[in-house]
C-alpha atoms as a PDB file:
ATOM      1  CA  MET A   1      14.989 -12.600  19.769  1.00  0.00           C
ATOM      2  CA  ARG A   2      16.609 -14.671  22.445  1.00  0.00           C
ATOM      3  CA  GLU A   3      15.600 -13.976  26.029  1.00  0.00           C
ATOM      4  CA  ASN A   4      18.964 -12.631  27.213  1.00  0.00           C
ATOM      5  CA  ASP A   5      19.860 -10.648  24.100  1.00  0.00           C
ATOM      6  CA  PHE A   6      19.925  -6.890  23.858  1.00  0.00           C
ATOM      7  CA  ILE A   7      20.100  -5.186  20.497  1.00  0.00           C
ATOM      8  CA  VAL A   8      21.779  -1.804  20.817  1.00  0.00           C
ATOM      9  CA  SER A   9      22.069   0.889  18.195  1.00  0.00           C
ATOM     10  CA  LYS A  10      22.782   4.586  18.182  1.00  0.00           C
ATOM     11  CA  THR A  11      21.915   7.205  15.608  1.00  0.00           C
ATOM     12  CA  ASP A  12      22.654  10.821  14.926  1.00  0.00           C
ATOM     13  CA  LEU A  13      19.898  13.413  15.135  1.00  0.00           C
ATOM     14  CA  THR A  14      18.628  12.521  11.663  1.00  0.00           C
ATOM     15  CA  GLY A  15      18.319   8.800  12.355  1.00  0.00           C
ATOM     16  CA  ARG A  16      21.528   7.670  10.622  1.00  0.00           C
ATOM     17  CA  ILE A  17      23.102   4.686  12.351  1.00  0.00           C
ATOM     18  CA  THR A  18      26.383   5.485  14.081  1.00  0.00           C
ATOM     19  CA  TYR A  19      26.709   2.295  16.127  1.00  0.00           C
ATOM     20  CA  GLY A  20      25.265  -1.188  16.227  1.00  0.00           C
ATOM     21  CA  ASN A  21      26.265  -4.003  18.538  1.00  0.00           C
ATOM     22  CA  GLU A  22      26.996  -7.537  17.312  1.00  0.00           C
ATOM     23  CA  ILE A  23      23.475  -8.730  18.076  1.00  0.00           C
ATOM     24  CA  PHE A  24      22.000  -5.881  16.006  1.00  0.00           C
ATOM     25  CA  ILE A  25      24.241  -6.882  13.115  1.00  0.00           C
ATOM     26  CA  GLU A  26      23.283 -10.553  13.547  1.00  0.00           C
ATOM     27  CA  PHE A  27      19.521 -10.011  13.619  1.00  0.00           C
ATOM     28  CA  SER A  28      19.478  -7.387  10.876  1.00  0.00           C
ATOM     29  CA  GLY A  29      21.408  -9.642   8.510  1.00  0.00           C
ATOM     30  CA  TYR A  30      23.438  -6.679   7.304  1.00  0.00           C
ATOM     31  CA  GLN A  31      27.176  -6.244   7.497  1.00  0.00           C
ATOM     32  CA  GLU A  32      28.327  -3.509   9.871  1.00  0.00           C
ATOM     33  CA  HIS A  33      29.531  -1.335   6.972  1.00  0.00           C
ATOM     34  CA  GLU A  34      26.058  -1.582   5.382  1.00  0.00           C
ATOM     35  CA  LEU A  35      24.380  -0.336   8.563  1.00  0.00           C
ATOM     36  CA  LEU A  36      26.728   2.470   9.584  1.00  0.00           C
ATOM     37  CA  GLY A  37      25.627   5.695   7.923  1.00  0.00           C
ATOM     38  CA  SER A  38      22.299   4.214   6.792  1.00  0.00           C
ATOM     39  CA  GLN A  39      18.957   5.473   8.014  1.00  0.00           C
ATOM     40  CA  HIS A  40      17.637   3.338  10.852  1.00  0.00           C
ATOM     41  CA  ASN A  41      14.519   2.668   8.794  1.00  0.00           C
ATOM     42  CA  ILE A  42      16.647   0.272   6.714  1.00  0.00           C
ATOM     43  CA  ILE A  43      15.167  -2.382   9.033  1.00  0.00           C
ATOM     44  CA  ARG A  44      11.598  -1.049   8.997  1.00  0.00           C
ATOM     45  CA  HIS A  45       9.089  -3.772   8.243  1.00  0.00           C
ATOM     46  CA  PRO A  46       6.154  -2.807   5.975  1.00  0.00           C
ATOM     47  CA  ASP A  47       3.757  -4.184   8.626  1.00  0.00           C
ATOM     48  CA  MET A  48       4.636  -1.240  10.874  1.00  0.00           C
ATOM     49  CA  PRO A  49       2.131   1.620  10.908  1.00  0.00           C
ATOM     50  CA  ARG A  50       3.772   4.941  10.114  1.00  0.00           C
ATOM     51  CA  VAL A  51       2.122   6.652  13.065  1.00  0.00           C
ATOM     52  CA  VAL A  52       4.141   4.489  15.486  1.00  0.00           C
ATOM     53  CA  PHE A  53       7.298   6.166  14.188  1.00  0.00           C
ATOM     54  CA  LYS A  54       5.646   9.586  14.237  1.00  0.00           C
ATOM     55  CA  LEU A  55       4.834   8.978  17.905  1.00  0.00           C
ATOM     56  CA  LEU A  56       8.428   7.921  18.508  1.00  0.00           C
ATOM     57  CA  TRP A  57       9.839  11.038  16.835  1.00  0.00           C
ATOM     58  CA  ASP A  58       7.329  13.262  18.675  1.00  0.00           C
ATOM     59  CA  TYR A  59       8.496  11.881  22.029  1.00  0.00           C
ATOM     60  CA  LEU A  60      12.155  12.297  21.098  1.00  0.00           C
ATOM     61  CA  ALA A  61      11.557  15.865  19.906  1.00  0.00           C
ATOM     62  CA  GLU A  62      10.319  16.615  23.434  1.00  0.00           C
ATOM     63  CA  ASP A  63      13.444  14.936  24.902  1.00  0.00           C
ATOM     64  CA  LYS A  64      11.314  12.099  26.254  1.00  0.00           C
ATOM     65  CA  GLU A  65      12.122   8.410  26.123  1.00  0.00           C
ATOM     66  CA  ILE A  66       9.664   5.982  24.581  1.00  0.00           C
ATOM     67  CA  PHE A  67       8.981   2.260  24.703  1.00  0.00           C
ATOM     68  CA  ALA A  68       7.338   0.488  21.773  1.00  0.00           C
ATOM     69  CA  TYR A  69       6.751  -2.814  20.078  1.00  0.00           C
ATOM     70  CA  VAL A  70       8.410  -2.895  16.682  1.00  0.00           C
ATOM     71  CA  LYS A  71       8.468  -5.472  13.932  1.00  0.00           C
ATOM     72  CA  ASN A  72      11.821  -5.194  12.182  1.00  0.00           C
ATOM     73  CA  MET A  73      12.799  -6.638   8.830  1.00  0.00           C
ATOM     74  CA  SER A  74      16.133  -8.319   8.253  1.00  0.00           C
ATOM     75  CA  LYS A  75      18.073  -8.007   5.027  1.00  0.00           C
ATOM     76  CA  ASP A  76      16.758 -11.362   3.756  1.00  0.00           C
ATOM     77  CA  GLY A  77      13.124 -10.241   4.182  1.00  0.00           C
ATOM     78  CA  GLY A  78      12.600 -12.125   7.443  1.00  0.00           C
ATOM     79  CA  PHE A  79      11.358 -10.353  10.527  1.00  0.00           C
ATOM     80  CA  TYR A  80      11.795 -10.199  14.268  1.00  0.00           C
ATOM     81  CA  TRP A  81       9.745  -8.478  16.947  1.00  0.00           C
ATOM     82  CA  VAL A  82      11.401  -6.316  19.591  1.00  0.00           C
ATOM     83  CA  PHE A  83      10.405  -4.379  22.667  1.00  0.00           C
ATOM     84  CA  THR A  84      12.371  -1.184  22.225  1.00  0.00           C
ATOM     85  CA  HIS A  85      13.408   1.677  24.429  1.00  0.00           C
ATOM     86  CA  VAL A  86      14.533   4.778  22.536  1.00  0.00           C
ATOM     87  CA  ALA A  87      15.988   7.795  24.298  1.00  0.00           C
ATOM     88  CA  PRO A  88      17.831  10.980  23.434  1.00  0.00           C
ATOM     89  CA  MET A  89      21.599  11.049  24.008  1.00  0.00           C
ATOM     90  CA  LYS A  90      23.163  14.267  25.255  1.00  0.00           C
ATOM     91  CA  ASP A  91      26.702  15.557  25.443  1.00  0.00           C
ATOM     92  CA  LYS A  92      28.380  16.987  28.542  1.00  0.00           C
ATOM     93  CA  ASN A  93      26.694  20.350  27.846  1.00  0.00           C
ATOM     94  CA  LYS A  94      23.268  18.661  27.810  1.00  0.00           C
ATOM     95  CA  GLN A  95      22.904  19.209  24.070  1.00  0.00           C
ATOM     96  CA  LYS A  96      21.085  16.453  22.234  1.00  0.00           C
ATOM     97  CA  ILE A  97      23.531  14.641  19.940  1.00  0.00           C
ATOM     98  CA  GLY A  98      21.584  11.580  18.869  1.00  0.00           C
ATOM     99  CA  TYR A  99      19.466   8.687  20.017  1.00  0.00           C
ATOM    100  CA  SER A 100      20.069   5.297  21.565  1.00  0.00           C
ATOM    101  CA  SER A 101      17.842   2.303  21.143  1.00  0.00           C
ATOM    102  CA  VAL A 102      17.982  -0.799  23.306  1.00  0.00           C
ATOM    103  CA  ARG A 103      15.780  -3.639  22.165  1.00  0.00           C
ATOM    104  CA  ARG A 104      14.981  -6.859  23.921  1.00  0.00           C
ATOM    105  CA  MET A 105      12.686  -9.815  23.465  1.00  0.00           C
ATOM    106  CA  PRO A 106       9.059  -8.730  23.681  1.00  0.00           C
ATOM    107  CA  ASN A 107       6.555 -10.546  25.829  1.00  0.00           C
ATOM    108  CA  PRO A 108       5.288 -13.276  23.460  1.00  0.00           C
ATOM    109  CA  LYS A 109       1.756 -12.848  24.872  1.00  0.00           C
ATOM    110  CA  ALA A 110       1.717  -9.233  23.687  1.00  0.00           C
ATOM    111  CA  ILE A 111       2.620  -9.891  20.059  1.00  0.00           C
ATOM    112  CA  PRO A 112      -0.822 -11.159  18.886  1.00  0.00           C
ATOM    113  CA  ILE A 113      -2.469  -8.138  20.524  1.00  0.00           C
ATOM    114  CA  VAL A 114       0.003  -5.672  19.036  1.00  0.00           C
ATOM    115  CA  THR A 115      -0.255  -7.377  15.642  1.00  0.00           C
ATOM    116  CA  GLU A 116      -4.028  -6.942  15.649  1.00  0.00           C
ATOM    117  CA  VAL A 117      -3.829  -3.262  16.608  1.00  0.00           C
ATOM    118  CA  TYR A 118      -1.092  -2.576  14.035  1.00  0.00           C
ATOM    119  CA  ARG A 119      -3.114  -4.369  11.339  1.00  0.00           C
ATOM    120  CA  ALA A 120      -6.109  -2.125  12.072  1.00  0.00           C
ATOM    121  CA  MET A 121      -3.847   0.919  11.969  1.00  0.00           C
ATOM    122  CA  LEU A 122      -2.361  -0.157   8.630  1.00  0.00           C
ATOM    123  CA  ASP A 123      -5.827  -0.787   7.197  1.00  0.00           C
ATOM    124  CA  ALA A 124      -6.823   2.731   8.236  1.00  0.00           C
ATOM    125  CA  GLU A 125      -3.663   4.135   6.594  1.00  0.00           C
ATOM    126  CA  ARG A 126      -4.365   2.320   3.323  1.00  0.00           C
ATOM    127  CA  ASN A 127      -8.041   3.270   3.276  1.00  0.00           C
ATOM    128  CA  ALA A 128      -7.317   6.927   4.003  1.00  0.00           C
ATOM    129  CA  GLY A 129      -4.682   7.308   1.299  1.00  0.00           C
ATOM    130  CA  PRO A 130      -1.243   8.872   1.628  1.00  0.00           C
ATOM    131  CA  LYS A 131      -2.432  12.370   2.529  1.00  0.00           C
ATOM    132  CA  ASP A 132      -4.581  11.302   5.486  1.00  0.00           C
ATOM    133  CA  ALA A 133      -2.884   8.017   6.412  1.00  0.00           C
ATOM    134  CA  MET A 134      -1.118   9.282   9.506  1.00  0.00           C
ATOM    135  CA  ALA A 135      -4.245  10.874  10.973  1.00  0.00           C
ATOM    136  CA  ALA A 136      -6.356   7.794  10.247  1.00  0.00           C
ATOM    137  CA  SER A 137      -3.850   5.469  11.873  1.00  0.00           C
ATOM    138  CA  GLY A 138      -3.544   7.783  14.852  1.00  0.00           C
ATOM    139  CA  GLU A 139      -7.312   7.735  15.265  1.00  0.00           C
ATOM    140  CA  VAL A 140      -7.271   3.947  15.501  1.00  0.00           C
ATOM    141  CA  LEU A 141      -4.584   4.042  18.178  1.00  0.00           C
ATOM    142  CA  GLY A 142      -6.420   6.829  20.006  1.00  0.00           C
ATOM    143  CA  LYS A 143      -9.628   4.769  20.000  1.00  0.00           C
ATOM    144  CA  VAL A 144      -7.805   1.742  21.433  1.00  0.00           C
ATOM    145  CA  LEU A 145      -6.360   3.883  24.224  1.00  0.00           C
ATOM    146  CA  LYS A 146      -9.725   5.517  24.939  1.00  0.00           C
ATOM    147  CA  ASP A 147     -11.584   2.183  24.931  1.00  0.00           C
ATOM    148  CA  LYS A 148      -9.042   0.701  27.344  1.00  0.00           C
ATOM    149  CA  GLY A 149      -8.941   3.869  29.466  1.00  0.00           C
ATOM    150  CA  VAL A 150      -5.142   4.030  29.386  1.00  0.00           C
ATOM    151  CA  THR A 151      -2.355   6.217  28.123  1.00  0.00           C
ATOM    152  CA  TYR A 152       0.088   4.954  25.502  1.00  0.00           C
ATOM    153  CA  GLU A 153       2.711   4.362  28.190  1.00  0.00           C
ATOM    154  CA  GLU A 154       0.264   2.437  30.368  1.00  0.00           C
ATOM    155  CA  LEU A 155      -0.766   0.228  27.447  1.00  0.00           C
ATOM    156  CA  ILE A 156       2.827  -0.637  26.603  1.00  0.00           C
ATOM    157  CA  ASN A 157       3.636  -1.445  30.238  1.00  0.00           C
ATOM    158  CA  VAL A 158       0.559  -3.650  30.611  1.00  0.00           C
ATOM    159  CA  LEU A 159       1.366  -5.549  27.416  1.00  0.00           C
ATOM    160  CA  GLN A 160       4.958  -6.194  28.459  1.00  0.00           C
ATOM    161  CA  SER A 161       3.832  -7.474  31.868  1.00  0.00           C
ATOM    162  CA  LEU A 162       1.122  -9.893  30.624  1.00  0.00           C
END
């Protein structure tokens, strides 16, 4: 990503894309009509541990915002890293109607660290097999947090401020 770019997308409650700004369209490599109505995971890179998205959905289910490092895949198979902020959107009656995601350039110093942690999480997923993959990956993340003595939010903030 470029330093001053912001990728913006919105989804409905099931994760179907309802809006994407021009920069989202550019980086994804898809046409707008290909993105709208598609599941947001259309840009999910296979290097992303599944538990990262479980964590994201768990936060959103509790009406909490979340920040995360995400490796996205463009239509041509290329990739781009983002530092994302995902939050619930609510209507005037405070009913949740969807989610917004604003992504910006991640701190380049954080990417090698995140890559290493995600690789360990993916290895744990593969070794555990489909049934236990999520728990195994979560254990790796939990161990990292415990070893560093930080919460998930603290880890993300430290990485972005390196």
